[in-house]
Amino acid sequence: MTIKPLADRVVIKMLEAEETTKSGIILSSKSQEKPQVAEVLAVGPGAVVDGKTVPMEVAVGDKVLTSRYAGTEVKVDGEEYKIVNQGDILAKVVD
C-alpha cells in the first residue's frame, strides 16, 4: 500500500534514537530521548490559499526536524509512519 498525502501534508518516518552518547556511554531505552529527526517519504502538492497553490519547501529524501508531538501516527504494512503538516516541520537537517 502506498500513502499519498493531500494538501500540505508530509509523510515521514522517524529515525532511530541514539543508543550511545558521543563519549560512548550506552543509554537504556528509558534514557533515550524521543527522536525528532525524520526522513521525508512523500509530499503533498501544497496547500491552496486564496486560489493559489503554496509550494512545498521539503522534498522526498530530506531529513527534517519536527515538533516533538506533531502529526498523526499511522501503521501501514507493519511499518510506522507519521503524517504531519508542513508547518509542523521546524527545519531541514543539512549534513
N, C-alpha and C. Protein backbone atom coordinates (compact mmCIF):
# COMPACT_ATOMS: atom_id res chain seq x y z
N MET A 1 0.84 -1.17 0.00
CA MET A 1 0.00 0.00 0.00
C MET A 1 0.90 1.25 0.00
N THR A 2 0.50 2.25 -0.75
CA THR A 2 1.25 3.50 -0.85
C THR A 2 0.44 4.62 -0.21
N ILE A 3 1.11 5.50 0.50
CA ILE A 3 0.45 6.66 1.11
C ILE A 3 0.76 7.88 0.26
N LYS A 4 -0.29 8.56 -0.20
CA LYS A 4 -0.12 9.79 -0.97
C LYS A 4 -0.77 10.93 -0.18
N PRO A 5 0.03 11.81 0.42
CA PRO A 5 -0.53 12.88 1.24
C PRO A 5 -1.25 13.93 0.41
N LEU A 6 -2.23 14.57 1.02
CA LEU A 6 -3.01 15.62 0.37
C LEU A 6 -2.58 16.98 0.89
N ALA A 7 -2.87 18.02 0.13
CA ALA A 7 -2.61 19.42 0.51
C ALA A 7 -1.16 19.61 0.95
N ASP A 8 -0.96 20.21 2.14
CA ASP A 8 0.41 20.49 2.59
C ASP A 8 0.89 19.47 3.62
N ARG A 9 0.43 18.25 3.49
CA ARG A 9 0.84 17.20 4.43
C ARG A 9 2.08 16.46 3.89
N VAL A 10 2.83 15.91 4.83
CA VAL A 10 4.08 15.23 4.52
C VAL A 10 4.11 13.90 5.28
N VAL A 11 4.49 12.82 4.60
CA VAL A 11 4.65 11.52 5.25
C VAL A 11 6.13 11.39 5.62
N ILE A 12 6.38 11.12 6.90
CA ILE A 12 7.76 10.99 7.38
C ILE A 12 7.92 9.68 8.14
N LYS A 13 9.15 9.24 8.23
CA LYS A 13 9.49 8.08 9.05
C LYS A 13 10.55 8.56 10.03
N MET A 14 10.23 8.40 11.31
CA MET A 14 11.15 8.85 12.35
C MET A 14 12.41 7.98 12.32
N LEU A 15 13.56 8.62 12.49
CA LEU A 15 14.83 7.90 12.55
C LEU A 15 15.04 7.39 13.96
N GLU A 16 15.83 6.36 14.09
CA GLU A 16 16.05 5.72 15.39
C GLU A 16 16.76 6.66 16.37
N ALA A 17 16.43 6.53 17.64
CA ALA A 17 17.08 7.31 18.69
C ALA A 17 18.50 6.79 18.88
N GLU A 18 19.38 7.68 19.28
CA GLU A 18 20.77 7.30 19.53
C GLU A 18 20.82 6.36 20.74
N GLU A 19 21.58 5.29 20.60
CA GLU A 19 21.71 4.33 21.70
C GLU A 19 22.96 4.58 22.54
N THR A 20 23.87 5.39 22.01
CA THR A 20 25.07 5.74 22.76
C THR A 20 25.30 7.24 22.67
N THR A 21 25.97 7.77 23.68
CA THR A 21 26.31 9.19 23.66
C THR A 21 27.56 9.37 22.81
N LYS A 22 27.94 10.62 22.56
CA LYS A 22 29.14 10.90 21.77
C LYS A 22 30.39 10.38 22.46
N SER A 23 30.35 10.29 23.79
CA SER A 23 31.51 9.78 24.53
C SER A 23 31.51 8.26 24.65
N GLY A 24 30.48 7.58 24.10
CA GLY A 24 30.46 6.13 24.08
C GLY A 24 29.63 5.47 25.17
N ILE A 25 28.93 6.24 25.98
CA ILE A 25 28.11 5.65 27.04
C ILE A 25 26.83 5.10 26.43
N ILE A 26 26.52 3.85 26.75
CA ILE A 26 25.31 3.20 26.22
C ILE A 26 24.12 3.62 27.08
N LEU A 27 23.06 4.09 26.40
CA LEU A 27 21.86 4.56 27.10
C LEU A 27 20.81 3.47 27.17
N SER A 28 20.11 3.38 28.31
CA SER A 28 18.99 2.45 28.41
C SER A 28 17.84 3.01 27.59
N SER A 29 16.88 2.18 27.27
CA SER A 29 15.76 2.65 26.45
C SER A 29 14.96 3.74 27.15
N LYS A 30 14.93 3.75 28.47
CA LYS A 30 14.22 4.79 29.22
C LYS A 30 14.95 6.13 29.14
N SER A 31 16.27 6.10 29.00
CA SER A 31 17.06 7.32 28.97
C SER A 31 17.10 7.98 27.59
N GLN A 32 16.74 7.22 26.57
CA GLN A 32 16.81 7.76 25.21
C GLN A 32 15.70 8.78 24.98
N GLU A 33 16.06 9.87 24.34
CA GLU A 33 15.08 10.89 24.01
C GLU A 33 14.26 10.44 22.81
N LYS A 34 13.01 10.89 22.78
CA LYS A 34 12.16 10.61 21.63
C LYS A 34 12.77 11.32 20.42
N PRO A 35 13.00 10.60 19.32
CA PRO A 35 13.66 11.23 18.18
C PRO A 35 12.78 12.31 17.55
N GLN A 36 13.42 13.36 17.07
CA GLN A 36 12.71 14.41 16.38
C GLN A 36 13.19 14.54 14.94
N VAL A 37 14.17 13.74 14.56
CA VAL A 37 14.68 13.77 13.20
C VAL A 37 13.98 12.68 12.40
N ALA A 38 13.52 13.06 11.20
CA ALA A 38 12.79 12.12 10.36
C ALA A 38 13.21 12.27 8.92
N GLU A 39 12.91 11.25 8.13
CA GLU A 39 13.15 11.30 6.69
C GLU A 39 11.81 11.48 5.98
N VAL A 40 11.78 12.37 5.01
CA VAL A 40 10.57 12.63 4.23
C VAL A 40 10.40 11.52 3.20
N LEU A 41 9.23 10.85 3.21
CA LEU A 41 8.95 9.76 2.28
C LEU A 41 7.99 10.17 1.17
N ALA A 42 7.08 11.09 1.46
CA ALA A 42 6.11 11.55 0.45
C ALA A 42 5.66 12.96 0.81
N VAL A 43 5.36 13.75 -0.23
CA VAL A 43 4.98 15.14 -0.05
C VAL A 43 3.72 15.42 -0.85
N GLY A 44 2.78 16.13 -0.23
CA GLY A 44 1.56 16.52 -0.92
C GLY A 44 1.83 17.63 -1.94
N PRO A 45 0.83 18.00 -2.73
CA PRO A 45 1.01 19.01 -3.76
C PRO A 45 1.13 20.44 -3.24
N GLY A 46 0.73 20.68 -2.02
CA GLY A 46 0.78 22.03 -1.44
C GLY A 46 -0.62 22.52 -1.11
N ALA A 47 -0.70 23.41 -0.15
CA ALA A 47 -1.99 23.96 0.26
C ALA A 47 -2.45 25.00 -0.75
N VAL A 48 -3.76 25.20 -0.81
CA VAL A 48 -4.32 26.24 -1.67
C VAL A 48 -4.78 27.39 -0.78
N VAL A 49 -4.18 28.58 -0.99
CA VAL A 49 -4.53 29.76 -0.22
C VAL A 49 -4.91 30.86 -1.20
N ASP A 50 -6.11 31.39 -1.05
CA ASP A 50 -6.62 32.44 -1.95
C ASP A 50 -6.55 32.01 -3.41
N GLY A 51 -6.82 30.75 -3.66
CA GLY A 51 -6.85 30.24 -5.03
C GLY A 51 -5.49 29.93 -5.61
N LYS A 52 -4.42 30.11 -4.86
CA LYS A 52 -3.07 29.83 -5.35
C LYS A 52 -2.46 28.70 -4.53
N THR A 53 -1.74 27.81 -5.21
CA THR A 53 -1.08 26.71 -4.53
C THR A 53 0.22 27.21 -3.91
N VAL A 54 0.38 26.96 -2.62
CA VAL A 54 1.60 27.32 -1.91
C VAL A 54 2.59 26.16 -2.11
N PRO A 55 3.76 26.41 -2.68
CA PRO A 55 4.70 25.32 -2.95
C PRO A 55 5.25 24.70 -1.67
N MET A 56 5.57 23.43 -1.76
CA MET A 56 6.15 22.72 -0.62
C MET A 56 7.63 23.06 -0.51
N GLU A 57 8.13 23.17 0.71
CA GLU A 57 9.52 23.52 0.95
C GLU A 57 10.39 22.30 1.22
N VAL A 58 9.78 21.13 1.34
CA VAL A 58 10.54 19.90 1.56
C VAL A 58 10.31 18.97 0.39
N ALA A 59 11.25 18.05 0.21
CA ALA A 59 11.16 17.08 -0.88
C ALA A 59 11.44 15.69 -0.34
N VAL A 60 11.05 14.69 -1.09
CA VAL A 60 11.31 13.30 -0.71
C VAL A 60 12.81 13.11 -0.54
N GLY A 61 13.19 12.47 0.56
CA GLY A 61 14.59 12.21 0.85
C GLY A 61 15.21 13.20 1.82
N ASP A 62 14.57 14.36 2.04
CA ASP A 62 15.09 15.34 3.00
C ASP A 62 15.03 14.77 4.41
N LYS A 63 15.99 15.16 5.24
CA LYS A 63 15.93 14.87 6.67
C LYS A 63 15.46 16.15 7.33
N VAL A 64 14.48 16.02 8.23
CA VAL A 64 13.87 17.18 8.84
C VAL A 64 13.74 17.03 10.35
N LEU A 65 13.61 18.17 11.04
CA LEU A 65 13.30 18.20 12.46
C LEU A 65 11.83 18.54 12.59
N THR A 66 11.12 17.82 13.44
CA THR A 66 9.69 18.08 13.63
C THR A 66 9.41 18.44 15.08
N SER A 67 8.26 19.03 15.29
CA SER A 67 7.81 19.27 16.65
C SER A 67 7.67 17.92 17.34
N ARG A 68 7.96 17.86 18.61
CA ARG A 68 8.01 16.59 19.34
C ARG A 68 6.72 15.77 19.24
N TYR A 69 5.57 16.40 19.39
CA TYR A 69 4.32 15.64 19.40
C TYR A 69 3.44 15.95 18.19
N ALA A 70 4.04 16.42 17.13
CA ALA A 70 3.29 16.80 15.93
C ALA A 70 2.83 15.58 15.14
N GLY A 71 1.77 15.75 14.40
CA GLY A 71 1.35 14.75 13.42
C GLY A 71 0.50 13.63 13.96
N THR A 72 0.16 12.77 13.04
CA THR A 72 -0.66 11.59 13.33
C THR A 72 0.14 10.35 12.98
N GLU A 73 0.25 9.44 13.93
CA GLU A 73 0.97 8.20 13.69
C GLU A 73 0.06 7.21 12.99
N VAL A 74 0.58 6.57 11.94
CA VAL A 74 -0.18 5.55 11.21
C VAL A 74 0.71 4.33 11.01
N LYS A 75 0.07 3.18 10.88
CA LYS A 75 0.80 1.94 10.65
C LYS A 75 0.30 1.36 9.34
N VAL A 76 1.20 1.15 8.39
CA VAL A 76 0.85 0.60 7.08
C VAL A 76 1.80 -0.55 6.78
N ASP A 77 1.23 -1.71 6.50
CA ASP A 77 2.02 -2.91 6.19
C ASP A 77 3.09 -3.18 7.25
N GLY A 78 2.75 -2.96 8.52
CA GLY A 78 3.66 -3.25 9.61
C GLY A 78 4.69 -2.17 9.89
N GLU A 79 4.75 -1.13 9.09
CA GLU A 79 5.69 -0.03 9.29
C GLU A 79 4.98 1.16 9.91
N GLU A 80 5.67 1.88 10.80
CA GLU A 80 5.08 3.06 11.44
C GLU A 80 5.56 4.33 10.74
N TYR A 81 4.60 5.18 10.43
CA TYR A 81 4.87 6.46 9.77
C TYR A 81 4.15 7.56 10.53
N LYS A 82 4.49 8.80 10.22
CA LYS A 82 3.79 9.95 10.76
C LYS A 82 3.38 10.82 9.60
N ILE A 83 2.18 11.37 9.68
CA ILE A 83 1.73 12.34 8.69
C ILE A 83 1.63 13.68 9.41
N VAL A 84 2.41 14.66 8.93
CA VAL A 84 2.46 15.98 9.56
C VAL A 84 2.12 17.05 8.54
N ASN A 85 1.67 18.19 9.03
CA ASN A 85 1.51 19.36 8.17
C ASN A 85 2.89 19.97 7.95
N GLN A 86 3.07 20.62 6.81
CA GLN A 86 4.35 21.24 6.52
C GLN A 86 4.74 22.23 7.63
N GLY A 87 3.76 22.88 8.24
CA GLY A 87 4.03 23.84 9.31
C GLY A 87 4.60 23.21 10.58
N ASP A 88 4.44 21.88 10.74
CA ASP A 88 4.99 21.19 11.90
C ASP A 88 6.46 20.83 11.72
N ILE A 89 6.97 21.05 10.52
CA ILE A 89 8.39 20.79 10.25
C ILE A 89 9.16 22.06 10.59
N LEU A 90 10.10 21.92 11.51
CA LEU A 90 10.83 23.08 12.02
C LEU A 90 12.02 23.46 11.15
N ALA A 91 12.72 22.47 10.60
CA ALA A 91 13.93 22.76 9.84
C ALA A 91 14.35 21.54 9.04
N LYS A 92 15.17 21.77 8.03
CA LYS A 92 15.84 20.68 7.31
C LYS A 92 17.17 20.42 7.98
N VAL A 93 17.58 19.15 8.01
CA VAL A 93 18.88 18.79 8.57
C VAL A 93 19.85 18.71 7.40
N VAL A 94 20.90 19.52 7.46
CA VAL A 94 21.91 19.55 6.41
C VAL A 94 23.20 18.94 6.97
N ASP A 95 23.66 17.88 6.36
CA ASP A 95 24.87 17.19 6.85
C ASP A 95 26.12 17.89 6.40
